C-alpha atoms as a PDB file:
ATOM      1  CA  MET A   1      -8.694  -5.823  13.906  1.00  0.00           C
ATOM      2  CA  MET A   2      -9.161  -2.089  13.748  1.00  0.00           C
ATOM      3  CA  ILE A   3     -10.314   0.596  11.574  1.00  0.00           C
ATOM      4  CA  HIS A   4     -10.424   4.011  12.859  1.00  0.00           C
ATOM      5  CA  ASP A   5     -10.930   7.555  11.397  1.00  0.00           C
ATOM      6  CA  HIS A   6     -10.731  10.583  13.006  1.00  0.00           C
ATOM      7  CA  LYS A   7     -13.955  11.977  10.797  1.00  0.00           C
ATOM      8  CA  TRP A   8     -15.307   8.576  10.291  1.00  0.00           C
ATOM      9  CA  LYS A   9     -15.548   9.883   6.299  1.00  0.00           C
ATOM     10  CA  GLN A  10     -15.056   7.544   3.672  1.00  0.00           C
ATOM     11  CA  ILE A  11     -14.511   3.806   4.274  1.00  0.00           C
ATOM     12  CA  GLN A  12     -15.469   1.151   2.529  1.00  0.00           C
ATOM     13  CA  ILE A  13     -14.729  -2.615   3.635  1.00  0.00           C
ATOM     14  CA  ARG A  14     -15.627  -5.332   1.369  1.00  0.00           C
ATOM     15  CA  TYR A  15     -15.335  -9.035   2.559  1.00  0.00           C
ATOM     16  CA  GLY A  16     -16.332 -12.599   1.374  1.00  0.00           C
ATOM     17  CA  ARG A  17     -15.000 -15.623   1.326  1.00  0.00           C
ATOM     18  CA  ASN A  18     -12.297 -15.156  -1.308  1.00  0.00           C
ATOM     19  CA  LEU A  19     -12.177 -11.112  -1.020  1.00  0.00           C
ATOM     20  CA  ARG A  20     -11.413  -8.738   1.872  1.00  0.00           C
ATOM     21  CA  VAL A  21     -10.214  -5.359   0.876  1.00  0.00           C
ATOM     22  CA  VAL A  22     -10.359  -1.600   2.199  1.00  0.00           C
ATOM     23  CA  TYR A  23     -10.722   1.523   0.286  1.00  0.00           C
ATOM     24  CA  ILE A  24     -10.400   4.960   1.901  1.00  0.00           C
ATOM     25  CA  TRP A  25     -10.757   7.883   0.096  1.00  0.00           C
ATOM     26  CA  ASP A  26     -10.677  11.895   1.706  1.00  0.00           C
ATOM     27  CA  SER A  27     -10.500  10.970   5.027  1.00  0.00           C
ATOM     28  CA  GLU A  28      -7.802  11.542   8.000  1.00  0.00           C
ATOM     29  CA  LYS A  29      -5.961  10.085  10.923  1.00  0.00           C
ATOM     30  CA  ILE A  30      -7.285   6.451   9.941  1.00  0.00           C
ATOM     31  CA  THR A  31      -5.655   3.404  11.265  1.00  0.00           C
ATOM     32  CA  ILE A  32      -5.836   0.059   9.854  1.00  0.00           C
ATOM     33  CA  LYS A  33      -4.326  -2.109  12.631  1.00  0.00           C
ATOM     34  CA  GLY A  34      -4.430  -6.351  12.210  1.00  0.00           C
ATOM     35  CA  LEU A  35      -6.253  -7.295   9.160  1.00  0.00           C
ATOM     36  CA  ASP A  36      -5.980 -10.289   6.677  1.00  0.00           C
ATOM     37  CA  ILE A  37      -6.416  -8.669   3.317  1.00  0.00           C
ATOM     38  CA  PHE A  38      -6.599 -10.162  -0.015  1.00  0.00           C
ATOM     39  CA  GLY A  39      -8.202 -11.123  -3.113  1.00  0.00           C
ATOM     40  CA  ALA A  40      -8.361  -8.107  -5.145  1.00  0.00           C
ATOM     41  CA  THR A  41      -6.855  -9.308  -8.238  1.00  0.00           C
ATOM     42  CA  LYS A  42      -6.404  -7.853 -11.863  1.00  0.00           C
ATOM     43  CA  ASN A  43      -9.417  -9.821 -13.018  1.00  0.00           C
ATOM     44  CA  SER A  44     -11.655  -8.999 -10.120  1.00  0.00           C
ATOM     45  CA  THR A  45     -14.932  -6.985 -10.413  1.00  0.00           C
ATOM     46  CA  ILE A  46     -13.128  -4.234  -7.765  1.00  0.00           C
ATOM     47  CA  GLU A  47      -9.965  -2.644  -8.480  1.00  0.00           C
ATOM     48  CA  PRO A  48      -6.948  -4.630  -7.972  1.00  0.00           C
ATOM     49  CA  ALA A  49      -5.581  -2.997  -4.438  1.00  0.00           C
ATOM     50  CA  GLY A  50      -5.377  -4.750  -0.758  1.00  0.00           C
ATOM     51  CA  ILE A  51      -5.740  -1.387   0.845  1.00  0.00           C
ATOM     52  CA  ARG A  52      -6.200   1.942  -1.138  1.00  0.00           C
ATOM     53  CA  ILE A  53      -5.539   5.039   0.418  1.00  0.00           C
ATOM     54  CA  MET A  54      -6.910   8.349  -1.775  1.00  0.00           C
ATOM     55  CA  GLU A  55      -6.602  12.138  -0.950  1.00  0.00           C
ATOM     56  CA  SER A  56      -6.328  11.192   2.769  1.00  0.00           C
ATOM     57  CA  ASN A  57      -3.374  12.236   5.161  1.00  0.00           C
ATOM     58  CA  TYR A  58      -1.707  10.810   8.315  1.00  0.00           C
ATOM     59  CA  CYS A  59      -3.209   7.605   7.861  1.00  0.00           C
ATOM     60  CA  ILE A  60      -1.458   4.302   9.305  1.00  0.00           C
ATOM     61  CA  VAL A  61      -1.495   0.831   7.939  1.00  0.00           C
ATOM     62  CA  GLU A  62       0.257  -1.649  10.617  1.00  0.00           C
ATOM     63  CA  ASP A  63       0.526  -5.192  11.426  1.00  0.00           C
ATOM     64  CA  CYS A  64      -1.682  -6.239   8.837  1.00  0.00           C
ATOM     65  CA  ARG A  65      -1.572  -9.450   6.299  1.00  0.00           C
ATOM     66  CA  ILE A  66      -1.867  -7.955   2.754  1.00  0.00           C
ATOM     67  CA  GLY A  67      -1.167 -11.364   0.554  1.00  0.00           C
ATOM     68  CA  TRP A  68       0.783 -14.185   2.495  1.00  0.00           C
ATOM     69  CA  ASP A  69       1.029 -16.777   0.179  1.00  0.00           C
ATOM     70  CA  SER A  70       0.136 -18.198  -3.346  1.00  0.00           C
ATOM     71  CA  GLU A  71      -3.307 -18.351  -2.726  1.00  0.00           C
ATOM     72  CA  HIS A  72      -3.978 -15.081  -0.877  1.00  0.00           C
ATOM     73  CA  LYS A  73      -2.658 -12.182  -2.651  1.00  0.00           C
ATOM     74  CA  ASN A  74      -3.794  -8.683  -4.484  1.00  0.00           C
ATOM     75  CA  TYR A  75      -2.493  -7.263  -7.594  1.00  0.00           C
ATOM     76  CA  TYR A  76      -1.280  -4.215  -5.524  1.00  0.00           C
ATOM     77  CA  GLY A  77      -1.069  -4.839  -2.064  1.00  0.00           C
ATOM     78  CA  ILE A  78      -0.906  -1.381  -0.974  1.00  0.00           C
ATOM     79  CA  GLU A  79      -2.083   1.605  -3.089  1.00  0.00           C
ATOM     80  CA  ILE A  80      -1.707   5.319  -2.050  1.00  0.00           C
ATOM     81  CA  THR A  81      -2.263   8.271  -4.126  1.00  0.00           C
ATOM     82  CA  SER A  82      -2.518  12.322  -3.118  1.00  0.00           C
ATOM     83  CA  SER A  83      -1.529  11.595   0.653  1.00  0.00           C
ATOM     84  CA  SER A  84       0.878  13.062   2.630  1.00  0.00           C
ATOM     85  CA  GLY A  85       2.093  11.677   6.055  1.00  0.00           C
ATOM     86  CA  CYS A  86       1.120   8.148   5.757  1.00  0.00           C
ATOM     87  CA  ILE A  87       2.940   5.695   7.751  1.00  0.00           C
ATOM     88  CA  ILE A  88       3.245   1.813   6.118  1.00  0.00           C
ATOM     89  CA  GLN A  89       5.209  -0.379   8.825  1.00  0.00           C
ATOM     90  CA  ASN A  90       5.135  -3.662  10.298  1.00  0.00           C
ATOM     91  CA  ASN A  91       2.892  -5.329   7.312  1.00  0.00           C
ATOM     92  CA  ILE A  92       3.599  -8.658   5.199  1.00  0.00           C
ATOM     93  CA  VAL A  93       2.791  -7.601   1.798  1.00  0.00           C
ATOM     94  CA  LYS A  94       3.741 -10.792   0.047  1.00  0.00           C
ATOM     95  CA  TYR A  95       3.066 -12.543  -3.435  1.00  0.00           C
ATOM     96  CA  ASN A  96       1.655  -9.755  -4.594  1.00  0.00           C
ATOM     97  CA  TYR A  97       2.067  -8.629  -8.380  1.00  0.00           C
ATOM     98  CA  ARG A  98       3.514  -5.012  -6.754  1.00  0.00           C
ATOM     99  CA  GLY A  99       3.927  -4.657  -2.837  1.00  0.00           C
ATOM    100  CA  LEU A 100       3.516  -1.015  -2.586  1.00  0.00           C
ATOM    101  CA  TYR A 101       2.462   1.077  -5.804  1.00  0.00           C
ATOM    102  CA  ASP A 102       3.199   4.351  -4.610  1.00  0.00           C
ATOM    103  CA  TYR A 103       1.818   6.313  -7.780  1.00  0.00           C
ATOM    104  CA  MET A 104       0.913   9.827  -9.365  1.00  0.00           C
ATOM    105  CA  ASN A 105      -2.361  10.547  -9.887  1.00  0.00           C
ATOM    106  CA  TYR A 106      -3.274   9.002 -12.796  1.00  0.00           C
ATOM    107  CA  GLN A 107      -4.857   6.132 -11.358  1.00  0.00           C
ATOM    108  CA  VAL A 108      -4.196   5.647  -7.375  1.00  0.00           C
ATOM    109  CA  PHE A 109      -0.800   6.516  -5.276  1.00  0.00           C
ATOM    110  CA  PHE A 110       1.120   8.714  -4.064  1.00  0.00           C
ATOM    111  CA  ASN A 111       1.973  11.973  -6.913  1.00  0.00           C
ATOM    112  CA  SER A 112       4.156  15.037  -6.679  1.00  0.00           C
ATOM    113  CA  SER A 113       1.952  16.425  -3.924  1.00  0.00           C
ATOM    114  CA  GLN A 114       2.297  13.380  -1.525  1.00  0.00           C
ATOM    115  CA  THR A 115       5.258  14.201   0.663  1.00  0.00           C
ATOM    116  CA  ASN A 116       7.079  12.905   3.755  1.00  0.00           C
ATOM    117  CA  ASN A 117       5.389   8.752   3.596  1.00  0.00           C
ATOM    118  CA  ILE A 118       7.467   6.550   5.807  1.00  0.00           C
ATOM    119  CA  ILE A 119       7.579   2.847   4.781  1.00  0.00           C
ATOM    120  CA  LYS A 120       9.674   0.962   7.245  1.00  0.00           C
ATOM    121  CA  GLU A 121       9.836  -2.721   8.621  1.00  0.00           C
ATOM    122  CA  ASN A 122       7.413  -4.539   5.452  1.00  0.00           C
ATOM    123  CA  ASP A 123       7.752  -7.747   4.330  1.00  0.00           C
ATOM    124  CA  PHE A 124       7.592  -7.163   0.753  1.00  0.00           C
ATOM    125  CA  SER A 125       9.154 -10.429  -0.749  1.00  0.00           C
ATOM    126  CA  TYR A 126       8.161 -12.648  -3.350  1.00  0.00           C
ATOM    127  CA  SER A 127       6.299  -9.854  -5.614  1.00  0.00           C
ATOM    128  CA  SER A 128       5.975 -10.886  -9.172  1.00  0.00           C
ATOM    129  CA  ASN A 129       7.161  -7.122 -10.199  1.00  0.00           C
ATOM    130  CA  TRP A 130       8.821  -4.840  -7.492  1.00  0.00           C
ATOM    131  CA  GLY A 131       8.665  -4.595  -3.901  1.00  0.00           C
ATOM    132  CA  CYS A 132       7.820  -0.954  -3.643  1.00  0.00           C
ATOM    133  CA  TYR A 133       6.930   1.150  -6.986  1.00  0.00           C
ATOM    134  CA  LEU A 134       7.628   4.479  -6.516  1.00  0.00           C
ATOM    135  CA  HIS A 135       6.429   7.179  -8.990  1.00  0.00           C
ATOM    136  CA  TYR A 136       6.242  11.003  -8.267  1.00  0.00           C
ATOM    137  CA  SER A 137       7.014  10.475  -4.750  1.00  0.00           C
ATOM    138  CA  GLU A 138       8.998  13.536  -2.430  1.00  0.00           C
ATOM    139  CA  TYR A 139      10.544  12.847   0.858  1.00  0.00           C
ATOM    140  CA  ASP A 140       9.656   9.375   1.092  1.00  0.00           C
ATOM    141  CA  ILE A 141      11.167   7.481   3.856  1.00  0.00           C
ATOM    142  CA  ILE A 142      11.423   4.062   2.922  1.00  0.00           C
ATOM    143  CA  TYR A 143      14.020   1.949   5.396  1.00  0.00           C
ATOM    144  CA  ASN A 144      14.559  -2.152   6.962  1.00  0.00           C
ATOM    145  CA  ASN A 145      11.869  -3.801   4.659  1.00  0.00           C
ATOM    146  CA  THR A 146      12.937  -6.922   3.244  1.00  0.00           C
ATOM    147  CA  PHE A 147      12.493  -7.528  -0.783  1.00  0.00           C
ATOM    148  CA  ASN A 148      13.355 -11.359  -1.006  1.00  0.00           C
ATOM    149  CA  ASN A 149      12.359 -13.024  -4.581  1.00  0.00           C
ATOM    150  CA  CYS A 150      11.108  -9.961  -5.918  1.00  0.00           C
ATOM    151  CA  THR A 151      11.367 -10.412  -9.792  1.00  0.00           C
ATOM    152  CA  SER A 152      11.733  -7.117 -11.084  1.00  0.00           C
ATOM    153  CA  GLY A 153      13.779  -6.279  -7.928  1.00  0.00           C
ATOM    154  CA  GLY A 154      13.321  -4.293  -4.791  1.00  0.00           C
ATOM    155  CA  VAL A 155      12.481  -0.326  -5.120  1.00  0.00           C
ATOM    156  CA  TYR A 156      11.834   1.289  -8.225  1.00  0.00           C
ATOM    157  CA  THR A 157      11.592   4.845  -8.417  1.00  0.00           C
ATOM    158  CA  VAL A 158      10.434   6.894 -11.640  1.00  0.00           C
ATOM    159  CA  LEU A 159      11.157  10.717 -12.488  1.00  0.00           C
ATOM    160  CA  PHE A 160      12.770  13.344 -10.302  1.00  0.00           C
ATOM    161  CA  MET A 161      12.327  12.285  -6.434  1.00  0.00           C
ATOM    162  CA  ILE A 162      13.826  12.569  -3.213  1.00  0.00           C
ATOM    163  CA  VAL A 163      13.424   9.165  -1.833  1.00  0.00           C
ATOM    164  CA  THR A 164      15.488   8.256   1.238  1.00  0.00           C
ATOM    165  CA  HIS A 165      16.684   4.717   1.129  1.00  0.00           C
ATOM    166  CA  LEU A 166      17.873   3.323   4.575  1.00  0.00           C
END
């Protein structure tokens, strides 16, 4: 397990028997690697994302399990808002309501100021909604991800965006 922030600004980890989540905001160059994340549900007392990255740039999330079966899951696996240059790679993000929620600044996720994020080589299977939900994301690159048995589909994009899905 590793969490490293270039400036060690705003990182919050909540850990318990049925809850493991990471929230990052107003930071740069954070790497999250090798964590097991679960328990962020819509009915929990916290926001419903396993990993939330807000107003932070050049963050990396890799080699994590962010929901992996029907008992170890989150409402949103990964949530990113107002952040650019992030890399989400080689993660298992299964059994969540949405695997990745890339959204406008109303709540959390990527808004129109968020650009150039890379989402590659992740497994977003068994999402009970969309594997990846992108709203106002620009110039994101999505490739070599798995979206098996996602109820609504693999990737959903809203409004004008330039998203490359390879």
